Amino acid sequence: VMDCMGYRLEHERLVRMYTKRPVFLPKRLISSLVKEFYQL
């Protein structure tokens, strides 16, 4: 979990590439939630 809103999508990609693990970026989750909310 990368718990800072300041991490960019590039940081997510780099961490995923080096750790070979799933990476959770709150910025991506929040944008998905807002998108879902307004599609109702």
PDB file of N, CA and C in Angstrom:
ATOM      1  N   VAL A   1       0.857  -1.177   0.000  1.00  0.00           N
ATOM      2  CA  VAL A   1       0.000   0.000   0.000  1.00  0.00           C
ATOM      3  C   VAL A   1       0.898   1.233   0.000  1.00  0.00           C
ATOM      4  N   MET A   2       0.702   2.053  -1.001  1.00  0.00           N
ATOM      5  CA  MET A   2       1.424   3.328  -1.081  1.00  0.00           C
ATOM      6  C   MET A   2       0.444   4.375  -0.585  1.00  0.00           C
ATOM      7  N   ASP A   3       0.578   4.785   0.683  1.00  0.00           N
ATOM      8  CA  ASP A   3      -0.476   5.535   1.365  1.00  0.00           C
ATOM      9  C   ASP A   3      -0.373   7.050   1.263  1.00  0.00           C
ATOM     10  N   CYS A   4       0.357   7.570   0.314  1.00  0.00           N
ATOM     11  CA  CYS A   4       0.467   9.020   0.164  1.00  0.00           C
ATOM     12  C   CYS A   4      -0.201   9.442  -1.139  1.00  0.00           C
ATOM     13  N   MET A   5      -1.027  10.484  -1.080  1.00  0.00           N
ATOM     14  CA  MET A   5      -1.704  10.968  -2.284  1.00  0.00           C
ATOM     15  C   MET A   5      -0.712  11.590  -3.265  1.00  0.00           C
ATOM     16  N   GLY A   6       0.510  11.852  -2.828  1.00  0.00           N
ATOM     17  CA  GLY A   6       1.504  12.481  -3.688  1.00  0.00           C
ATOM     18  C   GLY A   6       2.205  11.523  -4.639  1.00  0.00           C
ATOM     19  N   TYR A   7       2.042  10.210  -4.416  1.00  0.00           N
ATOM     20  CA  TYR A   7       2.670   9.260  -5.327  1.00  0.00           C
ATOM     21  C   TYR A   7       2.004   9.341  -6.686  1.00  0.00           C
ATOM     22  N   ARG A   8       2.803   9.311  -7.716  1.00  0.00           N
ATOM     23  CA  ARG A   8       2.285   9.371  -9.079  1.00  0.00           C
ATOM     24  C   ARG A   8       2.091   7.957  -9.611  1.00  0.00           C
ATOM     25  N   LEU A   9       1.382   7.858 -10.723  1.00  0.00           N
ATOM     26  CA  LEU A   9       1.164   6.559 -11.345  1.00  0.00           C
ATOM     27  C   LEU A   9       2.492   5.932 -11.772  1.00  0.00           C
ATOM     28  N   GLU A  10       3.464   6.758 -12.086  1.00  0.00           N
ATOM     29  CA  GLU A  10       4.793   6.238 -12.433  1.00  0.00           C
ATOM     30  C   GLU A  10       5.425   5.532 -11.236  1.00  0.00           C
ATOM     31  N   HIS A  11       5.238   6.081 -10.044  1.00  0.00           N
ATOM     32  CA  HIS A  11       5.761   5.435  -8.833  1.00  0.00           C
ATOM     33  C   HIS A  11       5.109   4.069  -8.641  1.00  0.00           C
ATOM     34  N   GLU A  12       3.801   4.018  -8.856  1.00  0.00           N
ATOM     35  CA  GLU A  12       3.081   2.747  -8.731  1.00  0.00           C
ATOM     36  C   GLU A  12       3.668   1.713  -9.691  1.00  0.00           C
ATOM     37  N   ARG A  13       3.893   2.126 -10.923  1.00  0.00           N
ATOM     38  CA  ARG A  13       4.433   1.221 -11.936  1.00  0.00           C
ATOM     39  C   ARG A  13       5.825   0.720 -11.542  1.00  0.00           C
ATOM     40  N   LEU A  14       6.672   1.622 -11.054  1.00  0.00           N
ATOM     41  CA  LEU A  14       8.026   1.232 -10.663  1.00  0.00           C
ATOM     42  C   LEU A  14       8.026   0.256  -9.488  1.00  0.00           C
ATOM     43  N   VAL A  15       7.219   0.531  -8.476  1.00  0.00           N
ATOM     44  CA  VAL A  15       7.157  -0.365  -7.314  1.00  0.00           C
ATOM     45  C   VAL A  15       6.633  -1.733  -7.734  1.00  0.00           C
ATOM     46  N   ARG A  16       5.610  -1.751  -8.577  1.00  0.00           N
ATOM     47  CA  ARG A  16       5.062  -3.023  -9.057  1.00  0.00           C
ATOM     48  C   ARG A  16       6.119  -3.795  -9.840  1.00  0.00           C
ATOM     49  N   MET A  17       6.880  -3.094 -10.681  1.00  0.00           N
ATOM     50  CA  MET A  17       7.897  -3.736 -11.508  1.00  0.00           C
ATOM     51  C   MET A  17       9.011  -4.344 -10.642  1.00  0.00           C
ATOM     52  N   TYR A  18       9.470  -3.615  -9.628  1.00  0.00           N
ATOM     53  CA  TYR A  18      10.581  -4.097  -8.801  1.00  0.00           C
ATOM     54  C   TYR A  18      10.169  -5.136  -7.764  1.00  0.00           C
ATOM     55  N   THR A  19       8.947  -5.036  -7.243  1.00  0.00           N
ATOM     56  CA  THR A  19       8.532  -5.976  -6.200  1.00  0.00           C
ATOM     57  C   THR A  19       7.788  -7.182  -6.751  1.00  0.00           C
ATOM     58  N   LYS A  20       7.275  -7.067  -7.980  1.00  0.00           N
ATOM     59  CA  LYS A  20       6.471  -8.142  -8.588  1.00  0.00           C
ATOM     60  C   LYS A  20       5.250  -8.468  -7.719  1.00  0.00           C
ATOM     61  N   ARG A  21       4.726  -7.437  -7.075  1.00  0.00           N
ATOM     62  CA  ARG A  21       3.563  -7.574  -6.191  1.00  0.00           C
ATOM     63  C   ARG A  21       2.493  -6.574  -6.597  1.00  0.00           C
ATOM     64  N   PRO A  22       1.232  -6.848  -6.234  1.00  0.00           N
ATOM     65  CA  PRO A  22       0.179  -5.858  -6.480  1.00  0.00           C
ATOM     66  C   PRO A  22       0.460  -4.589  -5.672  1.00  0.00           C
ATOM     67  N   VAL A  23       0.140  -3.455  -6.245  1.00  0.00           N
ATOM     68  CA  VAL A  23       0.372  -2.169  -5.592  1.00  0.00           C
ATOM     69  C   VAL A  23      -0.956  -1.432  -5.507  1.00  0.00           C
ATOM     70  N   PHE A  24      -1.255  -0.909  -4.332  1.00  0.00           N
ATOM     71  CA  PHE A  24      -2.494  -0.173  -4.095  1.00  0.00           C
ATOM     72  C   PHE A  24      -2.165   1.304  -3.990  1.00  0.00           C
ATOM     73  N   LEU A  25      -2.742   2.092  -4.889  1.00  0.00           N
ATOM     74  CA  LEU A  25      -2.504   3.530  -4.901  1.00  0.00           C
ATOM     75  C   LEU A  25      -3.825   4.239  -4.617  1.00  0.00           C
ATOM     76  N   PRO A  26      -3.949   4.917  -3.457  1.00  0.00           N
ATOM     77  CA  PRO A  26      -5.210   5.564  -3.081  1.00  0.00           C
ATOM     78  C   PRO A  26      -5.746   6.523  -4.135  1.00  0.00           C
ATOM     79  N   LYS A  27      -4.867   7.202  -4.844  1.00  0.00           N
ATOM     80  CA  LYS A  27      -5.290   8.151  -5.877  1.00  0.00           C
ATOM     81  C   LYS A  27      -6.153   7.439  -6.932  1.00  0.00           C
ATOM     82  N   ARG A  28      -5.763   6.228  -7.304  1.00  0.00           N
ATOM     83  CA  ARG A  28      -6.500   5.453  -8.304  1.00  0.00           C
ATOM     84  C   ARG A  28      -7.857   5.003  -7.736  1.00  0.00           C
ATOM     85  N   LEU A  29      -7.881   4.593  -6.476  1.00  0.00           N
ATOM     86  CA  LEU A  29      -9.129   4.167  -5.843  1.00  0.00           C
ATOM     87  C   LEU A  29     -10.116   5.323  -5.756  1.00  0.00           C
ATOM     88  N   ILE A  30      -9.660   6.473  -5.332  1.00  0.00           N
ATOM     89  CA  ILE A  30     -10.547   7.632  -5.186  1.00  0.00           C
ATOM     90  C   ILE A  30     -11.125   8.040  -6.528  1.00  0.00           C
ATOM     91  N   SER A  31     -10.301   8.052  -7.571  1.00  0.00           N
ATOM     92  CA  SER A  31     -10.826   8.426  -8.888  1.00  0.00           C
ATOM     93  C   SER A  31     -11.855   7.416  -9.374  1.00  0.00           C
ATOM     94  N   SER A  32     -11.651   6.137  -9.084  1.00  0.00           N
ATOM     95  CA  SER A  32     -12.629   5.109  -9.466  1.00  0.00           C
ATOM     96  C   SER A  32     -13.937   5.276  -8.698  1.00  0.00           C
ATOM     97  N   LEU A  33     -13.845   5.586  -7.412  1.00  0.00           N
ATOM     98  CA  LEU A  33     -15.050   5.777  -6.609  1.00  0.00           C
ATOM     99  C   LEU A  33     -15.852   6.982  -7.090  1.00  0.00           C
ATOM    100  N   VAL A  34     -15.171   8.072  -7.399  1.00  0.00           N
ATOM    101  CA  VAL A  34     -15.856   9.270  -7.896  1.00  0.00           C
ATOM    102  C   VAL A  34     -16.518   8.971  -9.232  1.00  0.00           C
ATOM    103  N   LYS A  35     -15.821   8.270 -10.096  1.00  0.00           N
ATOM    104  CA  LYS A  35     -16.372   7.905 -11.404  1.00  0.00           C
ATOM    105  C   LYS A  35     -17.635   7.058 -11.232  1.00  0.00           C
ATOM    106  N   GLU A  36     -17.578   6.050 -10.373  1.00  0.00           N
ATOM    107  CA  GLU A  36     -18.742   5.194 -10.118  1.00  0.00           C
ATOM    108  C   GLU A  36     -19.898   5.994  -9.519  1.00  0.00           C
ATOM    109  N   PHE A  37     -19.601   6.881  -8.596  1.00  0.00           N
ATOM    110  CA  PHE A  37     -20.633   7.674  -7.934  1.00  0.00           C
ATOM    111  C   PHE A  37     -21.405   8.520  -8.939  1.00  0.00           C
ATOM    112  N   TYR A  38     -20.705   9.145  -9.859  1.00  0.00           N
ATOM    113  CA  TYR A  38     -21.360  10.037 -10.810  1.00  0.00           C
ATOM    114  C   TYR A  38     -21.992   9.311 -11.990  1.00  0.00           C
ATOM    115  N   GLN A  39     -21.788   8.018 -12.113  1.00  0.00           N
ATOM    116  CA  GLN A  39     -22.426   7.242 -13.170  1.00  0.00           C
ATOM    117  C   GLN A  39     -23.777   6.704 -12.728  1.00  0.00           C
ATOM    118  N   LEU A  40     -24.155   6.945 -11.493  1.00  0.00           N
ATOM    119  CA  LEU A  40     -25.428   6.424 -10.971  1.00  0.00           C
ATOM    120  C   LEU A  40     -26.608   7.075 -11.591  1.00  0.00           C
TER     121      LEU A  40
END
